Amino acid sequence: MTLEQLPPLRDALAEHGLLARKAFGQHFLLDLNITRKIARLAQVGPGDQVIEVGPGPGGLTRALLETGAQVVAIEKDQRFRPLLEALAAAASPGALNLQFADALIADEAALGGGAAHVVSNLPYNVGTALLIKWLTGRWTPSSMTLMFQKEVAQRITAPVDGEAYGRLAVIAQVTSDVRTVMDVPARAFTPPPKVESAVVRVTPRPDRPSPARLDALQKLTAAAFGQRRKMLRASLKALGGEPLIDAAGLDPKARAETVDVGGFLRLADAWITERRR
């Protein structure tokens, strides 16, 4: 059996009596027109290494395999093993590597052979945690094309002083170029979620901060946005207060949402310099 001969995803789910599990944040994307568009937006093709998290019944996986990419699919829910193994058998030999594991603790560098693109309809309950892992961890993807709840997508791409601007925007934008490339309505999913979704394209920047600067940024943004209604001199008091803020050339009376990515980088550098003294 080839990929083209596989039964429709809806029929395969019905045959195995599989329903989405709320505890896993599952919503199935069964429309192959949409999954193929996501694969095109990911700009992957023959020979590319792709890591997909949460393939579920394999809708996006099919579309990725159709591009000729080599796919590593990481799935925590063992219920999908029969569907995914059937997909692997229908694909070209070795094209689909199935890993039944928790993506939060997976070693992507080993699974993807080093350089790999991440393309996923991420489970809602772990999407942000996985993004932070890939943005700040030891392994950096070649690119990421990821579906999130629309609210999360807006937090990733938010401009400074925007309503959604916060810690996630700073970490994402200091490490990567980010943009929303596709909106996906709730009705496209089975079962439909209560929220709209969006696909975000994340391309790592060549000038991404060093691990030390990223560590400092995470601490500073956690403090600053943890008390976002407070002025910086209050929210950052435990990390250096006004001397730190002055060293970064910022206004101690400013609030976190008015500080751009460059301002937070200056704060990180000032904090690192102070700790070295």
Protein backbone atom coordinates (compact mmCIF):
# COMPACT_ATOMS: atom_id res chain seq x y z
CA MET A 1 0.00 0.00 0.00
CA THR A 2 1.25 3.49 -0.88
CA LEU A 3 0.50 6.83 0.80
CA GLU A 4 -2.15 7.52 -1.86
CA GLN A 5 -3.88 4.22 -1.10
CA LEU A 6 -4.25 4.78 2.64
CA PRO A 7 -7.83 5.18 3.87
CA PRO A 8 -9.07 8.67 4.81
CA LEU A 9 -7.99 9.72 8.28
CA ARG A 10 -11.56 9.97 9.51
CA ASP A 11 -12.18 6.34 8.48
CA ALA A 12 -8.98 5.16 10.15
CA LEU A 13 -9.92 6.90 13.41
CA ALA A 14 -13.40 5.36 13.31
CA GLU A 15 -12.01 1.90 12.62
CA HIS A 16 -9.83 2.06 15.75
CA GLY A 17 -12.42 3.89 17.87
CA LEU A 18 -10.05 6.77 18.55
CA LEU A 19 -11.23 10.05 20.02
CA ALA A 20 -9.19 13.12 20.93
CA ARG A 21 -8.08 13.27 24.55
CA LYS A 22 -8.59 16.58 26.29
CA ALA A 23 -5.85 15.77 28.81
CA PHE A 24 -3.32 15.68 25.96
CA GLY A 25 -4.63 18.88 24.35
CA GLN A 26 -5.57 16.92 21.22
CA HIS A 27 -7.52 18.31 18.28
CA PHE A 28 -7.15 16.37 15.03
CA LEU A 29 -6.39 18.17 11.78
CA LEU A 30 -7.83 15.85 9.14
CA ASP A 31 -8.11 18.16 6.11
CA LEU A 32 -5.23 17.21 3.81
CA ASN A 33 -5.58 20.50 1.91
CA ILE A 34 -4.68 22.36 5.10
CA THR A 35 -1.89 20.00 6.13
CA ARG A 36 -0.36 20.20 2.65
CA LYS A 37 -0.42 23.99 2.84
CA ILE A 38 1.41 23.84 6.19
CA ALA A 39 4.02 21.54 4.64
CA ARG A 40 4.49 24.05 1.80
CA LEU A 41 4.84 26.92 4.27
CA ALA A 42 7.52 24.91 6.09
CA GLN A 43 9.58 24.96 2.88
CA VAL A 44 10.80 21.39 3.30
CA GLY A 45 11.50 18.94 0.51
CA PRO A 46 13.37 15.81 -0.54
CA GLY A 47 16.13 14.87 1.89
CA ASP A 48 15.25 17.45 4.54
CA GLN A 49 15.19 16.21 8.13
CA VAL A 50 11.91 17.08 9.87
CA ILE A 51 10.82 16.54 13.47
CA GLU A 52 7.07 16.49 14.10
CA VAL A 53 5.67 16.52 17.63
CA GLY A 54 2.22 15.14 18.35
CA PRO A 55 1.35 13.63 14.96
CA GLY A 56 -1.78 11.93 16.37
CA PRO A 57 -3.44 10.05 13.50
CA GLY A 58 -0.86 11.40 11.05
CA GLY A 59 -2.59 14.07 8.95
CA LEU A 60 0.34 16.49 8.86
CA THR A 61 2.74 13.53 8.76
CA ARG A 62 1.24 12.39 5.44
CA ALA A 63 1.68 15.85 3.96
CA LEU A 64 5.30 16.04 5.12
CA LEU A 65 6.10 12.61 3.69
CA GLU A 66 4.60 13.67 0.36
CA THR A 67 7.29 16.37 0.11
CA GLY A 68 10.03 13.71 0.23
CA ALA A 69 11.27 14.81 3.66
CA GLN A 70 12.65 12.37 6.22
CA VAL A 71 10.33 12.63 9.22
CA VAL A 72 10.86 11.79 12.88
CA ALA A 73 7.42 11.75 14.55
CA ILE A 74 7.36 11.99 18.35
CA GLU A 75 4.05 10.83 19.82
CA LYS A 76 3.25 10.35 23.50
CA ASP A 77 -0.11 8.65 22.99
CA GLN A 78 0.37 4.94 22.26
CA ARG A 79 -3.19 4.66 20.91
CA PHE A 80 -1.97 6.03 17.59
CA ARG A 81 0.68 3.35 17.09
CA PRO A 82 -1.38 1.25 14.60
CA LEU A 83 -2.23 4.27 12.43
CA LEU A 84 1.30 5.63 12.44
CA GLU A 85 2.87 2.24 11.80
CA ALA A 86 0.56 1.80 8.80
CA LEU A 87 1.71 5.21 7.58
CA ALA A 88 5.36 4.22 8.01
CA ALA A 89 4.77 1.01 6.05
CA ALA A 90 3.16 2.95 3.18
CA ALA A 91 5.94 5.55 2.99
CA SER A 92 9.30 5.11 1.33
CA PRO A 93 11.61 2.81 3.33
CA GLY A 94 13.09 4.71 6.28
CA ALA A 95 11.17 7.90 5.51
CA LEU A 96 9.23 7.85 8.80
CA ASN A 97 10.94 7.21 12.14
CA LEU A 98 8.38 6.75 14.93
CA GLN A 99 9.32 7.67 18.49
CA PHE A 100 6.74 7.01 21.19
CA ALA A 101 8.06 9.37 23.83
CA ASP A 102 7.54 12.67 25.65
CA ALA A 103 8.78 15.52 23.43
CA LEU A 104 9.51 17.70 26.46
CA ILE A 105 12.44 15.43 27.35
CA ALA A 106 13.37 14.20 23.87
CA ASP A 107 16.92 14.63 22.53
CA GLU A 108 16.17 16.26 19.18
CA ALA A 109 19.82 16.49 18.17
CA ALA A 110 20.10 12.70 18.31
CA LEU A 111 16.72 12.06 16.68
CA GLY A 112 17.17 14.51 13.80
CA GLY A 113 20.81 13.80 13.17
CA GLY A 114 21.78 17.36 14.11
CA ALA A 115 20.18 19.83 11.70
CA ALA A 116 16.40 19.45 11.37
CA HIS A 117 13.27 21.49 10.80
CA VAL A 118 10.41 21.28 13.29
CA VAL A 119 6.94 21.20 11.76
CA SER A 120 4.04 20.49 14.11
CA ASN A 121 0.44 21.01 15.03
CA LEU A 122 1.49 21.25 18.66
CA PRO A 123 -0.67 19.88 21.48
CA TYR A 124 -2.20 22.93 23.13
CA ASN A 125 -1.11 21.99 26.64
CA VAL A 126 2.65 21.85 25.91
CA GLY A 127 3.08 24.14 22.90
CA THR A 128 4.62 27.11 24.75
CA ALA A 129 6.93 24.92 26.84
CA LEU A 130 8.21 23.17 23.71
CA LEU A 131 8.81 26.48 21.92
CA ILE A 132 10.85 27.83 24.85
CA LYS A 133 12.84 24.59 24.88
CA TRP A 134 13.72 24.97 21.18
CA LEU A 135 14.43 28.71 21.46
CA THR A 136 16.74 28.52 24.47
CA GLY A 137 18.03 24.95 24.67
CA ARG A 138 21.30 23.44 23.46
CA TRP A 139 19.71 22.25 20.19
CA THR A 140 18.52 24.85 17.68
CA PRO A 141 16.20 23.79 14.81
CA SER A 142 16.97 24.93 11.28
CA SER A 143 13.45 26.40 11.22
CA MET A 144 10.11 25.92 12.97
CA THR A 145 6.65 25.97 11.44
CA LEU A 146 4.26 25.54 14.34
CA MET A 147 0.55 25.71 14.96
CA PHE A 148 -0.62 27.29 18.22
CA GLN A 149 -3.78 28.69 19.69
CA LYS A 150 -4.16 32.10 18.03
CA GLU A 151 -3.70 33.83 21.38
CA VAL A 152 -0.30 32.16 21.79
CA ALA A 153 0.69 33.04 18.22
CA GLN A 154 -0.14 36.69 18.98
CA ARG A 155 2.03 36.56 22.11
CA ILE A 156 4.97 35.25 20.07
CA THR A 157 4.76 37.91 17.35
CA ALA A 158 3.52 40.88 19.43
CA PRO A 159 5.23 44.28 18.94
CA VAL A 160 6.57 46.24 21.87
CA ASP A 161 3.85 48.08 23.80
CA GLY A 162 1.21 45.84 22.22
CA GLU A 163 -1.44 44.21 24.34
CA ALA A 164 0.07 40.73 23.88
CA TYR A 165 3.72 41.81 24.27
CA GLY A 166 5.44 39.94 27.06
CA ARG A 167 8.15 37.49 28.03
CA LEU A 168 7.38 35.04 25.21
CA ALA A 169 7.64 37.79 22.56
CA VAL A 170 11.02 38.96 23.89
CA ILE A 171 12.54 35.46 24.01
CA ALA A 172 11.14 34.52 20.60
CA GLN A 173 12.13 37.74 18.84
CA VAL A 174 15.61 38.01 20.33
CA THR A 175 16.45 34.52 19.09
CA SER A 176 14.45 34.35 15.85
CA ASP A 177 12.57 36.08 13.08
CA VAL A 178 8.90 35.28 13.73
CA ARG A 179 5.75 35.82 11.69
CA THR A 180 2.25 34.41 11.44
CA VAL A 181 1.84 32.74 8.06
CA MET A 182 -1.61 31.15 8.27
CA ASP A 183 -4.83 31.35 10.29
CA VAL A 184 -6.75 28.13 10.87
CA PRO A 185 -10.43 28.25 11.94
CA ALA A 186 -11.70 26.05 14.75
CA ARG A 187 -14.00 24.19 12.34
CA ALA A 188 -10.94 22.70 10.60
CA PHE A 189 -10.32 20.46 13.62
CA THR A 190 -11.99 17.36 15.01
CA PRO A 191 -13.27 18.06 17.61
CA PRO A 192 -13.35 21.84 17.05
CA PRO A 193 -11.51 23.70 19.84
CA LYS A 194 -13.08 26.71 21.50
CA VAL A 195 -10.40 28.98 20.04
CA GLU A 196 -8.96 29.84 16.64
CA SER A 197 -5.46 28.70 15.70
CA ALA A 198 -2.56 30.11 13.71
CA VAL A 199 0.66 28.84 12.15
CA VAL A 200 3.84 30.70 13.07
CA ARG A 201 7.06 30.52 11.07
CA VAL A 202 10.15 30.80 13.30
CA THR A 203 13.60 31.22 11.72
CA PRO A 204 16.60 31.35 14.10
CA ARG A 205 18.64 34.54 13.83
CA PRO A 206 22.34 34.24 12.96
CA ASP A 207 23.10 36.72 15.77
CA ARG A 208 21.11 34.86 18.43
CA PRO A 209 22.33 35.61 21.98
CA SER A 210 24.89 33.43 23.73
CA PRO A 211 23.64 30.91 26.34
CA ALA A 212 24.73 33.30 29.11
CA ARG A 213 22.73 36.20 27.64
CA LEU A 214 19.70 33.94 27.10
CA ASP A 215 19.87 32.78 30.71
CA ALA A 216 20.01 36.38 31.89
CA LEU A 217 17.13 37.35 29.59
CA GLN A 218 14.95 34.58 30.97
CA LYS A 219 15.55 35.71 34.54
CA LEU A 220 15.02 39.39 33.77
CA THR A 221 11.89 38.94 31.66
CA ALA A 222 10.38 36.59 34.25
CA ALA A 223 10.84 39.28 36.92
CA ALA A 224 9.81 42.23 34.74
CA PHE A 225 6.67 40.70 33.27
CA GLY A 226 5.80 38.80 36.42
CA GLN A 227 4.85 42.19 37.84
CA ARG A 228 4.12 43.98 34.57
CA ARG A 229 2.00 46.73 36.14
CA LYS A 230 4.94 47.79 38.28
CA MET A 231 7.73 50.09 37.21
CA LEU A 232 11.05 48.46 36.37
CA ARG A 233 12.68 49.86 39.50
CA ALA A 234 10.22 47.80 41.55
CA SER A 235 9.92 44.64 39.42
CA LEU A 236 13.71 44.36 39.00
CA LYS A 237 14.65 45.42 42.53
CA ALA A 238 15.83 41.93 43.50
CA LEU A 239 18.03 41.68 40.39
CA GLY A 240 19.81 45.02 40.68
CA GLY A 241 17.16 47.71 40.70
CA GLU A 242 17.90 51.25 39.54
CA PRO A 243 21.69 50.84 39.11
CA LEU A 244 21.06 47.96 36.70
CA ILE A 245 18.36 49.87 34.84
CA ASP A 246 20.57 52.98 34.57
CA ALA A 247 23.44 50.86 33.21
CA ALA A 248 21.10 49.64 30.45
CA GLY A 249 20.09 53.21 29.58
CA LEU A 250 16.45 52.67 30.52
CA ASP A 251 13.97 54.72 32.53
CA PRO A 252 13.45 53.20 36.01
CA LYS A 253 9.85 54.42 35.86
CA ALA A 254 9.14 52.50 32.63
CA ARG A 255 7.05 49.34 32.62
CA ALA A 256 8.15 46.08 31.03
CA GLU A 257 5.72 46.25 28.11
CA THR A 258 7.36 49.49 26.88
CA VAL A 259 10.88 48.01 26.75
CA ASP A 260 11.86 46.65 23.34
CA VAL A 261 14.04 43.60 22.65
CA GLY A 262 17.17 45.76 22.43
CA GLY A 263 16.42 47.22 25.85
CA PHE A 264 16.13 43.79 27.42
CA LEU A 265 19.40 42.75 25.80
CA ARG A 266 21.10 45.78 27.36
CA LEU A 267 19.62 44.79 30.72
CA ALA A 268 21.00 41.28 30.27
CA ASP A 269 24.46 42.58 29.44
CA ALA A 270 24.43 44.94 32.42
CA TRP A 271 23.32 42.12 34.72
CA ILE A 272 26.08 39.80 33.42
CA THR A 273 28.71 42.54 33.85
CA GLU A 274 27.60 43.22 37.41
CA ARG A 275 27.76 39.53 38.34
CA ARG A 276 31.33 39.26 37.02
CA ARG A 277 32.58 41.97 39.37
